[in-house]
Amino acid sequence: MKLNPQKVEEAVLAVLWLTLHNEVEAWKTIDWDTIHKFAERCDAALRVYS
């Protein structure tokens, strides 16, 4: 079975949101490679809108 990377990222975001505490901390540990992908996308989006 082949995994869809976009679906995996969406699931990770859902887990982060569901475990959010104090609006800035999550109770679950997430794979750092996935977190870095989100950061890269955010950086790219900020450059577009700047």
C-alpha atoms as a PDB file:
ATOM      1  CA  MET A   1       0.000   0.000   0.000  1.00  0.00           C
ATOM      2  CA  LYS A   2       1.428   3.343  -1.046  1.00  0.00           C
ATOM      3  CA  LEU A   3       1.050   6.239   1.406  1.00  0.00           C
ATOM      4  CA  ASN A   4      -0.122   9.633   0.254  1.00  0.00           C
ATOM      5  CA  PRO A   5       2.310  12.183   1.811  1.00  0.00           C
ATOM      6  CA  GLN A   6      -0.290  14.953   1.769  1.00  0.00           C
ATOM      7  CA  LYS A   7      -2.774  12.806   3.703  1.00  0.00           C
ATOM      8  CA  VAL A   8      -0.077  11.940   6.246  1.00  0.00           C
ATOM      9  CA  GLU A   9       0.703  15.638   6.732  1.00  0.00           C
ATOM     10  CA  GLU A  10      -2.998  16.420   7.168  1.00  0.00           C
ATOM     11  CA  ALA A  11      -3.260  13.684   9.808  1.00  0.00           C
ATOM     12  CA  VAL A  12      -0.229  15.090  11.639  1.00  0.00           C
ATOM     13  CA  LEU A  13      -1.805  18.557  11.663  1.00  0.00           C
ATOM     14  CA  ALA A  14      -5.012  17.056  13.033  1.00  0.00           C
ATOM     15  CA  VAL A  15      -3.112  15.331  15.868  1.00  0.00           C
ATOM     16  CA  LEU A  16      -1.255  18.548  16.681  1.00  0.00           C
ATOM     17  CA  TRP A  17      -4.512  20.497  16.776  1.00  0.00           C
ATOM     18  CA  LEU A  18      -6.330  17.893  18.858  1.00  0.00           C
ATOM     19  CA  THR A  19      -3.536  17.777  21.437  1.00  0.00           C
ATOM     20  CA  LEU A  20      -3.036  21.541  21.600  1.00  0.00           C
ATOM     21  CA  HIS A  21      -2.522  22.857  25.122  1.00  0.00           C
ATOM     22  CA  ASN A  22      -2.188  26.516  26.146  1.00  0.00           C
ATOM     23  CA  GLU A  23      -2.541  27.427  22.450  1.00  0.00           C
ATOM     24  CA  VAL A  24       1.180  26.852  21.810  1.00  0.00           C
ATOM     25  CA  GLU A  25       2.100  23.354  23.032  1.00  0.00           C
ATOM     26  CA  ALA A  26       1.126  19.915  21.775  1.00  0.00           C
ATOM     27  CA  TRP A  27       1.118  16.825  23.973  1.00  0.00           C
ATOM     28  CA  LYS A  28       2.261  14.459  21.220  1.00  0.00           C
ATOM     29  CA  THR A  29       5.700  14.066  19.704  1.00  0.00           C
ATOM     30  CA  ILE A  30       5.692  14.360  15.919  1.00  0.00           C
ATOM     31  CA  ASP A  31       8.391  13.209  13.519  1.00  0.00           C
ATOM     32  CA  TRP A  32      10.873  16.071  12.991  1.00  0.00           C
ATOM     33  CA  ASP A  33      11.048  15.563   9.210  1.00  0.00           C
ATOM     34  CA  THR A  34       7.319  16.242   9.001  1.00  0.00           C
ATOM     35  CA  ILE A  35       7.614  19.328  11.209  1.00  0.00           C
ATOM     36  CA  HIS A  36      10.439  20.650   8.991  1.00  0.00           C
ATOM     37  CA  LYS A  37       8.247  20.213   5.898  1.00  0.00           C
ATOM     38  CA  PHE A  38       5.560  22.372   7.531  1.00  0.00           C
ATOM     39  CA  ALA A  39       8.148  25.001   8.444  1.00  0.00           C
ATOM     40  CA  GLU A  40       9.474  25.101   4.887  1.00  0.00           C
ATOM     41  CA  ARG A  41       5.966  25.559   3.511  1.00  0.00           C
ATOM     42  CA  CYS A  42       5.246  28.342   6.020  1.00  0.00           C
ATOM     43  CA  ASP A  43       8.501  30.106   5.129  1.00  0.00           C
ATOM     44  CA  ALA A  44       7.660  29.887   1.431  1.00  0.00           C
ATOM     45  CA  ALA A  45       4.132  31.213   2.026  1.00  0.00           C
ATOM     46  CA  LEU A  46       5.471  34.113   4.090  1.00  0.00           C
ATOM     47  CA  ARG A  47       7.879  35.029   1.286  1.00  0.00           C
ATOM     48  CA  VAL A  48       5.009  35.088  -1.224  1.00  0.00           C
ATOM     49  CA  TYR A  49       2.868  37.366   0.939  1.00  0.00           C
ATOM     50  CA  SER A  50       5.707  39.671   2.018  1.00  0.00           C
END
